[in-house]
C-alpha atoms as a PDB file:
ATOM      1  CA  MET A   1     -70.188 -41.852 -45.414  1.00  0.00           C
ATOM      2  CA  CYS A   2     -72.104 -38.723 -44.685  1.00  0.00           C
ATOM      3  CA  ILE A   3     -70.080 -35.558 -45.098  1.00  0.00           C
ATOM      4  CA  LEU A   4     -71.096 -34.526 -41.578  1.00  0.00           C
ATOM      5  CA  ASN A   5     -69.674 -37.753 -40.131  1.00  0.00           C
ATOM      6  CA  LYS A   6     -66.405 -37.169 -41.988  1.00  0.00           C
ATOM      7  CA  LEU A   7     -66.146 -33.652 -40.595  1.00  0.00           C
ATOM      8  CA  PHE A   8     -66.884 -34.915 -37.088  1.00  0.00           C
ATOM      9  CA  ILE A   9     -64.190 -37.604 -37.288  1.00  0.00           C
ATOM     10  CA  LEU A  10     -61.662 -35.081 -38.666  1.00  0.00           C
ATOM     11  CA  SER A  11     -62.420 -32.694 -35.791  1.00  0.00           C
ATOM     12  CA  ILE A  12     -61.865 -35.460 -33.239  1.00  0.00           C
ATOM     13  CA  ILE A  13     -58.485 -36.298 -34.831  1.00  0.00           C
ATOM     14  CA  LEU A  14     -57.363 -32.665 -34.786  1.00  0.00           C
ATOM     15  CA  ILE A  15     -58.422 -32.125 -31.169  1.00  0.00           C
ATOM     16  CA  THR A  16     -56.663 -35.334 -30.072  1.00  0.00           C
ATOM     17  CA  SER A  17     -53.500 -34.325 -31.933  1.00  0.00           C
ATOM     18  CA  VAL A  18     -53.439 -30.896 -30.302  1.00  0.00           C
ATOM     19  CA  PHE A  19     -54.033 -32.459 -26.879  1.00  0.00           C
ATOM     20  CA  PHE A  20     -51.157 -34.929 -27.139  1.00  0.00           C
ATOM     21  CA  THR A  21     -48.825 -32.345 -28.652  1.00  0.00           C
ATOM     22  CA  GLY A  22     -49.520 -30.039 -25.706  1.00  0.00           C
ATOM     23  CA  CYS A  23     -48.818 -32.835 -23.247  1.00  0.00           C
ATOM     24  CA  ASP A  24     -45.479 -33.644 -24.876  1.00  0.00           C
ATOM     25  CA  LYS A  25     -44.198 -30.040 -24.548  1.00  0.00           C
ATOM     26  CA  GLU A  26     -42.607 -29.364 -21.108  1.00  0.00           C
ATOM     27  CA  GLU A  27     -43.306 -26.119 -19.334  1.00  0.00           C
ATOM     28  CA  GLU A  28     -40.281 -23.713 -19.301  1.00  0.00           C
ATOM     29  CA  LYS A  29     -38.731 -23.480 -15.827  1.00  0.00           C
ATOM     30  CA  PRO A  30     -37.928 -20.012 -14.460  1.00  0.00           C
ATOM     31  CA  ASN A  31     -34.228 -19.105 -14.369  1.00  0.00           C
ATOM     32  CA  GLN A  32     -32.499 -19.687 -11.046  1.00  0.00           C
ATOM     33  CA  ASN A  33     -30.206 -16.878  -9.949  1.00  0.00           C
ATOM     34  CA  PRO A  34     -26.556 -17.823  -9.489  1.00  0.00           C
ATOM     35  CA  THR A  35     -24.915 -18.035  -6.086  1.00  0.00           C
ATOM     36  CA  CYS A  36     -22.121 -15.665  -5.072  1.00  0.00           C
ATOM     37  CA  ASN A  37     -19.947 -15.620  -1.935  1.00  0.00           C
ATOM     38  CA  ILE A  38     -16.722 -13.804  -1.046  1.00  0.00           C
ATOM     39  CA  THR A  39     -14.384 -16.449   0.393  1.00  0.00           C
ATOM     40  CA  SER A  40     -11.368 -14.197   0.970  1.00  0.00           C
ATOM     41  CA  PRO A  41     -10.655 -11.876   2.716  1.00  0.00           C
ATOM     42  CA  ALA A  42     -12.831 -12.581   5.741  1.00  0.00           C
ATOM     43  CA  ASN A  43     -15.567 -10.204   6.819  1.00  0.00           C
ATOM     44  CA  GLY A  44     -14.104  -7.735   9.333  1.00  0.00           C
ATOM     45  CA  GLN A  45     -10.493  -8.647   8.518  1.00  0.00           C
ATOM     46  CA  GLU A  46      -7.748  -6.112   9.283  1.00  0.00           C
ATOM     47  CA  ILE A  47      -5.347  -5.395   6.413  1.00  0.00           C
ATOM     48  CA  ASN A  48      -2.038  -3.579   6.611  1.00  0.00           C
ATOM     49  CA  LYS A  49      -1.984  -0.515   4.375  1.00  0.00           C
ATOM     50  CA  GLY A  50       0.084  -1.189   1.283  1.00  0.00           C
ATOM     51  CA  GLU A  51      -0.659  -4.902   1.054  1.00  0.00           C
ATOM     52  CA  THR A  52      -2.045  -6.370  -2.156  1.00  0.00           C
ATOM     53  CA  ILE A  53      -5.132  -8.400  -1.261  1.00  0.00           C
ATOM     54  CA  THR A  54      -6.638 -11.131  -3.438  1.00  0.00           C
ATOM     55  CA  ILE A  55     -10.444 -10.985  -3.363  1.00  0.00           C
ATOM     56  CA  SER A  56     -11.669 -14.540  -4.064  1.00  0.00           C
ATOM     57  CA  VAL A  57     -15.252 -15.444  -4.967  1.00  0.00           C
ATOM     58  CA  ASP A  58     -17.179 -18.727  -5.059  1.00  0.00           C
ATOM     59  CA  ALA A  59     -19.826 -18.355  -7.809  1.00  0.00           C
ATOM     60  CA  GLU A  60     -22.048 -21.133  -9.237  1.00  0.00           C
ATOM     61  CA  ASP A  61     -25.116 -21.420 -11.471  1.00  0.00           C
ATOM     62  CA  ASN A  62     -27.191 -24.600 -11.127  1.00  0.00           C
ATOM     63  CA  ASP A  63     -29.154 -24.203 -14.368  1.00  0.00           C
ATOM     64  CA  GLY A  64     -26.635 -22.485 -16.621  1.00  0.00           C
ATOM     65  CA  ASN A  65     -23.263 -20.795 -16.653  1.00  0.00           C
ATOM     66  CA  ILE A  66     -21.609 -17.902 -14.835  1.00  0.00           C
ATOM     67  CA  ALA A  67     -21.173 -15.183 -17.450  1.00  0.00           C
ATOM     68  CA  GLU A  68     -19.347 -12.567 -15.357  1.00  0.00           C
ATOM     69  CA  VAL A  69     -18.267 -11.671 -11.822  1.00  0.00           C
ATOM     70  CA  ARG A  70     -17.916  -7.951 -11.048  1.00  0.00           C
ATOM     71  CA  PHE A  71     -15.860  -6.392  -8.229  1.00  0.00           C
ATOM     72  CA  PHE A  72     -16.599  -3.148  -6.340  1.00  0.00           C
ATOM     73  CA  ILE A  73     -14.636  -1.240  -3.673  1.00  0.00           C
ATOM     74  CA  ASP A  74     -16.715   1.280  -1.712  1.00  0.00           C
ATOM     75  CA  GLY A  75     -19.310   1.204  -4.496  1.00  0.00           C
ATOM     76  CA  VAL A  76     -16.849   1.899  -7.307  1.00  0.00           C
ATOM     77  CA  GLY A  77     -16.405  -0.745 -10.006  1.00  0.00           C
ATOM     78  CA  GLN A  78     -12.889  -2.157 -10.181  1.00  0.00           C
ATOM     79  CA  GLY A  79     -13.157  -4.729 -12.947  1.00  0.00           C
ATOM     80  CA  SER A  80     -14.653  -8.103 -13.780  1.00  0.00           C
ATOM     81  CA  VAL A  81     -13.735 -11.653 -14.782  1.00  0.00           C
ATOM     82  CA  THR A  82     -15.592 -14.047 -17.069  1.00  0.00           C
ATOM     83  CA  SER A  83     -13.979 -17.353 -16.170  1.00  0.00           C
ATOM     84  CA  PHE A  84     -12.761 -19.304 -13.156  1.00  0.00           C
ATOM     85  CA  PRO A  85     -10.946 -18.511 -10.888  1.00  0.00           C
ATOM     86  CA  TYR A  86     -13.062 -15.520  -9.885  1.00  0.00           C
ATOM     87  CA  THR A  87     -10.427 -13.321  -8.252  1.00  0.00           C
ATOM     88  CA  TYR A  88      -9.290  -9.695  -8.219  1.00  0.00           C
ATOM     89  CA  LYS A  89      -6.050  -8.237  -6.808  1.00  0.00           C
ATOM     90  CA  TRP A  90      -6.692  -5.089  -4.764  1.00  0.00           C
ATOM     91  CA  LYS A  91      -3.718  -2.794  -4.120  1.00  0.00           C
ATOM     92  CA  THR A  92      -4.328  -0.906  -0.875  1.00  0.00           C
ATOM     93  CA  GLU A  93      -1.358   1.483  -0.841  1.00  0.00           C
ATOM     94  CA  ASN A  94      -3.489   4.459  -1.987  1.00  0.00           C
ATOM     95  CA  GLU A  95      -6.502   3.625   0.188  1.00  0.00           C
ATOM     96  CA  SER A  96      -7.315   5.529   3.369  1.00  0.00           C
ATOM     97  CA  LEU A  97      -7.070   3.942   6.789  1.00  0.00           C
ATOM     98  CA  GLY A  98     -10.390   2.706   8.169  1.00  0.00           C
ATOM     99  CA  ASN A  99     -13.332   0.619   6.972  1.00  0.00           C
ATOM    100  CA  HIS A 100     -13.936  -0.259   3.316  1.00  0.00           C
ATOM    101  CA  THR A 101     -16.791  -2.205   1.696  1.00  0.00           C
ATOM    102  CA  LEU A 102     -16.000  -4.975  -0.782  1.00  0.00           C
ATOM    103  CA  LYS A 103     -18.868  -6.118  -2.999  1.00  0.00           C
ATOM    104  CA  VAL A 104     -19.095  -8.707  -5.767  1.00  0.00           C
ATOM    105  CA  THR A 105     -21.928  -9.454  -8.189  1.00  0.00           C
ATOM    106  CA  SER A 106     -22.239 -12.636 -10.255  1.00  0.00           C
ATOM    107  CA  LEU A 107     -24.323 -12.748 -13.461  1.00  0.00           C
ATOM    108  CA  ASP A 108     -25.443 -15.881 -15.313  1.00  0.00           C
ATOM    109  CA  ASN A 109     -26.039 -16.475 -19.024  1.00  0.00           C
ATOM    110  CA  ASP A 110     -29.799 -15.840 -18.637  1.00  0.00           C
ATOM    111  CA  GLY A 111     -29.470 -12.446 -16.968  1.00  0.00           C
ATOM    112  CA  GLY A 112     -29.864 -13.581 -13.375  1.00  0.00           C
ATOM    113  CA  SER A 113     -27.627 -12.103 -10.700  1.00  0.00           C
ATOM    114  CA  SER A 114     -26.737 -12.196  -7.019  1.00  0.00           C
ATOM    115  CA  SER A 115     -24.354 -10.232  -4.797  1.00  0.00           C
ATOM    116  CA  ASP A 116     -22.315 -10.522  -1.632  1.00  0.00           C
ATOM    117  CA  ASP A 117     -20.527  -7.837   0.377  1.00  0.00           C
ATOM    118  CA  ILE A 118     -18.211  -7.603   3.372  1.00  0.00           C
ATOM    119  CA  PHE A 119     -16.215  -4.899   5.129  1.00  0.00           C
ATOM    120  CA  VAL A 120     -12.501  -4.848   5.895  1.00  0.00           C
ATOM    121  CA  THR A 121     -10.388  -2.388   7.878  1.00  0.00           C
ATOM    122  CA  ILE A 122      -7.118  -0.975   6.582  1.00  0.00           C
ATOM    123  CA  ILE A 123      -4.654  -0.303   9.390  1.00  0.00           C
ATOM    124  CA  ALA A 124      -1.106   0.947   9.588  1.00  0.00           C
ATOM    125  CA  GLY A 125       1.336  -1.942   9.804  1.00  0.00           C
ATOM    126  CA  THR A 126       3.687  -1.894  12.781  1.00  0.00           C
ATOM    127  CA  PHE A 127       7.061  -3.293  13.786  1.00  0.00           C
ATOM    128  CA  THR A 128       8.589  -3.350  17.278  1.00  0.00           C
ATOM    129  CA  ASP A 129      12.361  -2.997  17.440  1.00  0.00           C
ATOM    130  CA  PRO A 130      13.540  -5.727  19.859  1.00  0.00           C
ATOM    131  CA  ARG A 131      16.594  -3.657  20.825  1.00  0.00           C
ATOM    132  CA  ASP A 132      14.753  -0.772  22.490  1.00  0.00           C
ATOM    133  CA  GLY A 133      11.011  -1.514  22.218  1.00  0.00           C
ATOM    134  CA  GLN A 134      10.439   1.332  19.766  1.00  0.00           C
ATOM    135  CA  VAL A 135       7.282   0.768  17.685  1.00  0.00           C
ATOM    136  CA  TYR A 136       7.288   1.904  14.042  1.00  0.00           C
ATOM    137  CA  ASN A 137       4.501   2.238  11.523  1.00  0.00           C
ATOM    138  CA  THR A 138       5.299   0.378   8.313  1.00  0.00           C
ATOM    139  CA  VAL A 139       3.982   0.570   4.763  1.00  0.00           C
ATOM    140  CA  THR A 140       4.198  -1.775   1.791  1.00  0.00           C
ATOM    141  CA  ILE A 141       4.744   0.003  -1.528  1.00  0.00           C
ATOM    142  CA  ASP A 142       4.642  -2.395  -4.450  1.00  0.00           C
ATOM    143  CA  ASN A 143       6.849  -5.258  -3.225  1.00  0.00           C
ATOM    144  CA  GLN A 144       8.867  -3.237  -0.699  1.00  0.00           C
ATOM    145  CA  THR A 145       7.989  -2.866   2.989  1.00  0.00           C
ATOM    146  CA  TRP A 146       9.403   0.335   4.497  1.00  0.00           C
ATOM    147  CA  MET A 147       9.336   1.909   7.909  1.00  0.00           C
ATOM    148  CA  ALA A 148       6.894   4.805   7.671  1.00  0.00           C
ATOM    149  CA  GLU A 149       8.880   6.761  10.267  1.00  0.00           C
ATOM    150  CA  ASN A 150      12.477   7.896  10.607  1.00  0.00           C
ATOM    151  CA  LEU A 151      14.628   5.479  12.590  1.00  0.00           C
ATOM    152  CA  LYS A 152      15.102   6.329  16.298  1.00  0.00           C
ATOM    153  CA  TYR A 153      17.714   3.778  17.335  1.00  0.00           C
ATOM    154  CA  LEU A 154      20.150   5.647  19.605  1.00  0.00           C
ATOM    155  CA  PRO A 155      22.919   3.562  21.237  1.00  0.00           C
ATOM    156  CA  SER A 156      24.910   6.738  21.948  1.00  0.00           C
ATOM    157  CA  VAL A 157      24.591  10.431  21.144  1.00  0.00           C
ATOM    158  CA  ASN A 158      27.064  13.081  20.029  1.00  0.00           C
ATOM    159  CA  PRO A 159      27.027  16.887  19.836  1.00  0.00           C
ATOM    160  CA  SER A 160      27.239  18.410  16.360  1.00  0.00           C
ATOM    161  CA  SER A 161      30.901  19.304  16.968  1.00  0.00           C
ATOM    162  CA  ASP A 162      31.821  15.600  17.006  1.00  0.00           C
ATOM    163  CA  GLY A 163      32.148  13.613  13.836  1.00  0.00           C
ATOM    164  CA  PHE A 164      34.278  11.840  11.288  1.00  0.00           C
ATOM    165  CA  TYR A 165      33.516   9.454   8.450  1.00  0.00           C
ATOM    166  CA  ASN A 166      35.471   6.437   9.729  1.00  0.00           C
ATOM    167  CA  ASP A 167      33.623   6.049  13.074  1.00  0.00           C
ATOM    168  CA  PRO A 168      29.856   5.835  13.801  1.00  0.00           C
ATOM    169  CA  TYR A 169      28.210   9.008  15.127  1.00  0.00           C
ATOM    170  CA  TYR A 170      24.615   9.570  16.235  1.00  0.00           C
ATOM    171  CA  TYR A 171      22.910  12.966  16.516  1.00  0.00           C
ATOM    172  CA  VAL A 172      19.580  14.400  17.642  1.00  0.00           C
ATOM    173  CA  TYR A 173      18.732  17.724  16.017  1.00  0.00           C
ATOM    174  CA  TYR A 174      19.681  20.681  18.280  1.00  0.00           C
ATOM    175  CA  TYR A 175      20.819  18.405  21.107  1.00  0.00           C
ATOM    176  CA  GLU A 176      24.411  19.243  22.049  1.00  0.00           C
ATOM    177  CA  GLY A 177      25.156  16.701  24.759  1.00  0.00           C
ATOM    178  CA  ASN A 178      26.006  13.047  25.384  1.00  0.00           C
ATOM    179  CA  ASN A 179      23.094  11.925  27.571  1.00  0.00           C
ATOM    180  CA  ILE A 180      20.888   9.428  25.734  1.00  0.00           C
ATOM    181  CA  SER A 181      17.869   9.881  28.037  1.00  0.00           C
ATOM    182  CA  GLU A 182      17.986  13.658  27.657  1.00  0.00           C
ATOM    183  CA  ALA A 183      18.260  13.358  23.879  1.00  0.00           C
ATOM    184  CA  LYS A 184      15.302  10.951  23.705  1.00  0.00           C
ATOM    185  CA  ALA A 185      13.165  13.357  25.745  1.00  0.00           C
ATOM    186  CA  THR A 186      13.457  16.112  23.132  1.00  0.00           C
ATOM    187  CA  ALA A 187      10.616  16.872  20.724  1.00  0.00           C
ATOM    188  CA  ASN A 188      12.968  16.623  17.745  1.00  0.00           C
ATOM    189  CA  TYR A 189      13.937  13.048  18.631  1.00  0.00           C
ATOM    190  CA  GLN A 190      10.325  12.021  19.131  1.00  0.00           C
ATOM    191  CA  THR A 191       9.189  13.562  15.834  1.00  0.00           C
ATOM    192  CA  TYR A 192      12.143  13.296  13.461  1.00  0.00           C
ATOM    193  CA  GLY A 193      14.240  10.499  14.929  1.00  0.00           C
ATOM    194  CA  VAL A 194      18.026  10.275  14.816  1.00  0.00           C
ATOM    195  CA  LEU A 195      20.575  11.672  12.370  1.00  0.00           C
ATOM    196  CA  TYR A 196      23.342   9.178  11.530  1.00  0.00           C
ATOM    197  CA  ASN A 197      26.639   9.533   9.779  1.00  0.00           C
ATOM    198  CA  TRP A 198      26.971   6.891   7.083  1.00  0.00           C
ATOM    199  CA  LEU A 199      28.947   4.380   9.137  1.00  0.00           C
ATOM    200  CA  ALA A 200      26.358   4.526  11.927  1.00  0.00           C
ATOM    201  CA  ALA A 201      23.504   4.285   9.402  1.00  0.00           C
ATOM    202  CA  LYS A 202      25.025   1.194   7.794  1.00  0.00           C
ATOM    203  CA  THR A 203      24.374  -0.917  10.900  1.00  0.00           C
ATOM    204  CA  ALA A 204      21.495   1.005  12.516  1.00  0.00           C
ATOM    205  CA  CYS A 205      18.522  -1.001  11.194  1.00  0.00           C
ATOM    206  CA  PRO A 206      17.098  -3.797  13.390  1.00  0.00           C
ATOM    207  CA  PRO A 207      17.280  -7.537  12.623  1.00  0.00           C
ATOM    208  CA  GLY A 208      15.238  -8.406   9.526  1.00  0.00           C
ATOM    209  CA  TRP A 209      15.665  -4.907   8.094  1.00  0.00           C
ATOM    210  CA  HIS A 210      18.449  -3.106   6.250  1.00  0.00           C
ATOM    211  CA  LEU A 211      19.626   0.291   5.083  1.00  0.00           C
ATOM    212  CA  PRO A 212      18.218   0.559   1.524  1.00  0.00           C
ATOM    213  CA  SER A 213      20.671   0.492  -1.338  1.00  0.00           C
ATOM    214  CA  ASP A 214      20.799   3.069  -4.095  1.00  0.00           C
ATOM    215  CA  GLU A 215      18.946   0.538  -6.257  1.00  0.00           C
ATOM    216  CA  ASP A 216      16.234   0.060  -3.602  1.00  0.00           C
ATOM    217  CA  TRP A 217      15.587   3.815  -3.638  1.00  0.00           C
ATOM    218  CA  THR A 218      15.487   3.779  -7.442  1.00  0.00           C
ATOM    219  CA  VAL A 219      12.901   0.979  -7.453  1.00  0.00           C
ATOM    220  CA  LEU A 220      10.698   3.007  -5.082  1.00  0.00           C
ATOM    221  CA  THR A 221      11.109   6.177  -7.128  1.00  0.00           C
ATOM    222  CA  THR A 222      10.323   4.456 -10.421  1.00  0.00           C
ATOM    223  CA  TYR A 223       7.212   2.772  -9.018  1.00  0.00           C
ATOM    224  CA  LEU A 224       5.883   6.137  -7.824  1.00  0.00           C
ATOM    225  CA  GLY A 225       6.271   7.752 -11.232  1.00  0.00           C
ATOM    226  CA  GLY A 226       9.872   8.944 -11.395  1.00  0.00           C
ATOM    227  CA  GLU A 227      12.057  11.605  -9.815  1.00  0.00           C
ATOM    228  CA  ASP A 228       9.926  14.600 -10.834  1.00  0.00           C
ATOM    229  CA  ILE A 229       6.748  13.544  -8.988  1.00  0.00           C
ATOM    230  CA  ALA A 230       7.600  10.738  -6.547  1.00  0.00           C
ATOM    231  CA  GLY A 231       8.643  13.162  -3.803  1.00  0.00           C
ATOM    232  CA  GLY A 232       5.130  14.565  -3.507  1.00  0.00           C
ATOM    233  CA  LYS A 233       3.762  11.053  -3.066  1.00  0.00           C
ATOM    234  CA  LEU A 234       6.296  10.393  -0.302  1.00  0.00           C
ATOM    235  CA  LYS A 235       5.983  13.605   1.744  1.00  0.00           C
ATOM    236  CA  GLU A 236       3.690  14.031   4.724  1.00  0.00           C
ATOM    237  CA  THR A 237       0.910  16.467   3.844  1.00  0.00           C
ATOM    238  CA  GLY A 238       0.383  19.908   5.344  1.00  0.00           C
ATOM    239  CA  THR A 239       2.776  22.336   6.982  1.00  0.00           C
ATOM    240  CA  THR A 240       2.835  21.097  10.566  1.00  0.00           C
ATOM    241  CA  HIS A 241       6.332  19.752   9.978  1.00  0.00           C
ATOM    242  CA  TRP A 242       7.233  20.888   6.452  1.00  0.00           C
ATOM    243  CA  TRP A 243       7.835  24.517   5.557  1.00  0.00           C
ATOM    244  CA  THR A 244       5.213  26.234   3.416  1.00  0.00           C
ATOM    245  CA  PRO A 245       4.264  25.532   0.669  1.00  0.00           C
ATOM    246  CA  ASN A 246       5.166  21.809   0.897  1.00  0.00           C
ATOM    247  CA  THR A 247       4.569  21.623  -2.839  1.00  0.00           C
ATOM    248  CA  ASP A 248       2.355  18.813  -4.199  1.00  0.00           C
ATOM    249  CA  ALA A 249       2.585  16.735  -1.015  1.00  0.00           C
ATOM    250  CA  THR A 250      -0.083  14.004  -1.064  1.00  0.00           C
ATOM    251  CA  ASN A 251       1.569  11.159   0.883  1.00  0.00           C
ATOM    252  CA  SER A 252      -0.444   8.851  -1.370  1.00  0.00           C
ATOM    253  CA  SER A 253       2.215   6.172  -0.848  1.00  0.00           C
ATOM    254  CA  GLY A 254       1.835   6.216   2.950  1.00  0.00           C
ATOM    255  CA  PHE A 255       5.610   6.728   3.329  1.00  0.00           C
ATOM    256  CA  THR A 256       5.061   9.898   5.438  1.00  0.00           C
ATOM    257  CA  ALA A 257       8.448  11.476   4.763  1.00  0.00           C
ATOM    258  CA  LEU A 258       9.446  14.050   7.392  1.00  0.00           C
ATOM    259  CA  PRO A 259      11.980  16.892   7.046  1.00  0.00           C
ATOM    260  CA  GLY A 260      14.544  15.991   9.696  1.00  0.00           C
ATOM    261  CA  GLY A 261      17.261  18.275   8.352  1.00  0.00           C
ATOM    262  CA  LEU A 262      20.923  17.291   8.745  1.00  0.00           C
ATOM    263  CA  CYS A 263      24.061  17.570  10.813  1.00  0.00           C
ATOM    264  CA  ASP A 264      26.513  19.446   8.615  1.00  0.00           C
ATOM    265  CA  ARG A 265      30.199  18.576   8.379  1.00  0.00           C
ATOM    266  CA  SER A 266      30.836  22.181   9.446  1.00  0.00           C
ATOM    267  CA  GLU A 267      29.585  21.136  12.885  1.00  0.00           C
ATOM    268  CA  PHE A 268      26.055  22.525  13.031  1.00  0.00           C
ATOM    269  CA  PHE A 269      22.447  21.413  12.531  1.00  0.00           C
ATOM    270  CA  THR A 270      20.481  22.906   9.644  1.00  0.00           C
ATOM    271  CA  TYR A 271      17.419  22.660   7.371  1.00  0.00           C
ATOM    272  CA  LEU A 272      14.960  21.160   9.868  1.00  0.00           C
ATOM    273  CA  ASN A 273      11.447  21.424   8.306  1.00  0.00           C
ATOM    274  CA  GLY A 274      12.891  22.348   4.921  1.00  0.00           C
ATOM    275  CA  PHE A 275      14.565  19.149   3.747  1.00  0.00           C
ATOM    276  CA  GLY A 276      14.515  15.436   4.455  1.00  0.00           C
ATOM    277  CA  LEU A 277      17.682  13.493   3.616  1.00  0.00           C
ATOM    278  CA  TRP A 278      18.082   9.696   3.810  1.00  0.00           C
ATOM    279  CA  TRP A 279      21.156   7.545   3.379  1.00  0.00           C
ATOM    280  CA  SER A 280      21.554   4.635   0.996  1.00  0.00           C
ATOM    281  CA  SER A 281      23.986   1.805   1.690  1.00  0.00           C
ATOM    282  CA  THR A 282      25.734   2.309  -1.659  1.00  0.00           C
ATOM    283  CA  GLU A 283      29.177   3.905  -1.657  1.00  0.00           C
ATOM    284  CA  TYR A 284      30.862   5.563  -4.601  1.00  0.00           C
ATOM    285  CA  SER A 285      34.203   6.123  -2.847  1.00  0.00           C
ATOM    286  CA  ASP A 286      35.825   5.393   0.495  1.00  0.00           C
ATOM    287  CA  ALA A 287      34.496   8.665   1.902  1.00  0.00           C
ATOM    288  CA  HIS A 288      31.250   9.189  -0.076  1.00  0.00           C
ATOM    289  CA  SER A 289      27.845   7.556  -0.474  1.00  0.00           C
ATOM    290  CA  TRP A 290      24.564   8.107  -2.340  1.00  0.00           C
ATOM    291  CA  PHE A 291      21.500   9.523  -0.582  1.00  0.00           C
ATOM    292  CA  ARG A 292      17.999  10.853  -1.384  1.00  0.00           C
ATOM    293  CA  ILE A 293      16.649  14.327  -0.638  1.00  0.00           C
ATOM    294  CA  LEU A 294      13.115  15.780  -0.522  1.00  0.00           C
ATOM    295  CA  SER A 295      12.290  19.493  -0.368  1.00  0.00           C
ATOM    296  CA  SER A 296       9.340  21.539   0.858  1.00  0.00           C
ATOM    297  CA  GLY A 297       9.575  23.561  -2.347  1.00  0.00           C
ATOM    298  CA  ASN A 298       8.908  20.883  -4.978  1.00  0.00           C
ATOM    299  CA  ALA A 299       7.571  17.379  -5.603  1.00  0.00           C
ATOM    300  CA  LYS A 300      10.895  15.858  -6.652  1.00  0.00           C
ATOM    301  CA  ILE A 301      13.053  13.219  -5.047  1.00  0.00           C
ATOM    302  CA  ARG A 302      16.670  13.877  -5.890  1.00  0.00           C
ATOM    303  CA  ARG A 303      19.553  11.408  -5.940  1.00  0.00           C
ATOM    304  CA  ASP A 304      22.810  12.924  -4.784  1.00  0.00           C
ATOM    305  CA  GLY A 305      26.094  11.950  -3.176  1.00  0.00           C
ATOM    306  CA  CYS A 306      28.149  13.436  -0.374  1.00  0.00           C
ATOM    307  CA  GLY A 307      30.674  12.733   2.340  1.00  0.00           C
ATOM    308  CA  LYS A 308      29.918  10.016   4.864  1.00  0.00           C
ATOM    309  CA  VAL A 309      30.612  12.473   7.688  1.00  0.00           C
ATOM    310  CA  TYR A 310      27.171  14.134   7.336  1.00  0.00           C
ATOM    311  CA  GLY A 311      24.316  13.218   9.659  1.00  0.00           C
ATOM    312  CA  PHE A 312      21.172  12.185   7.729  1.00  0.00           C
ATOM    313  CA  SER A 313      17.955  10.353   8.570  1.00  0.00           C
ATOM    314  CA  VAL A 314      17.447   6.621   7.997  1.00  0.00           C
ATOM    315  CA  ARG A 315      14.458   4.697   6.675  1.00  0.00           C
ATOM    316  CA  CYS A 316      14.830   0.937   7.028  1.00  0.00           C
ATOM    317  CA  LEU A 317      13.639  -1.537   4.389  1.00  0.00           C
ATOM    318  CA  LYS A 318      12.432  -5.029   5.280  1.00  0.00           C
ATOM    319  CA  ASN A 319      14.617  -7.913   4.091  1.00  0.00           C
END
């Protein structure tokens, strides 16, 4: 056979081989981006300040795998997960009231991504006392839900000259009468609430709530960083109600502690704006109980004990 014929036949074989090889090889498909949707909370949902919210995400990738889901609050990265379920727990106790943007981004194993975002509104929780219609702001701190205002329940009222530890007594700072309506009309009642001797405080909280125990106060204090700094996180900011300098007051907990002063066993009112004092339900003798005190002059919360005859403020804790 002529050498030219052999070369021609060889060329035909090579061309045919290349053609069929090219036909057998499939074209690479472009990567499809994953899907990503926030399923909880709902867009526009209102959330009580202090609640822990679970952000849940539905993420899928039709041509691969979800490699990571990232979570953002108001544009700031909070963390990520790499496996199902795609969730993140958001603690809202240190967040400001108002609107917040929640965003999530899913990434697949080929570098594709997609995002979803919603807004939610953090509001102050409220509770209405069925006994007198008084409405209180509430706040959840860790697993405890507290009233964020001093209790105002006032079934009767006494002047500072009245008082003993074995009967309930109710006082309104600087009010020296027995007329409930007059006492409730005072600015001190409306701002700082009622001062209770211990026996009155023991039963003052509404149904579903209770006077916190010494242990309840300790749990709160520990969660907020301990006795030396927790007071600053509990106190209302500024000097509208607290004396200057109201040291290290941030109210980052949302507790909004106010300095309601006390009714002294010596039959006078004292320390309004300087100190806030709150009873616990825990006794250490027939005539004495533990309480907590905050000062305008430092960031501490102090545990102390005294006679049940004193008139202190009350913060109720949800059962």
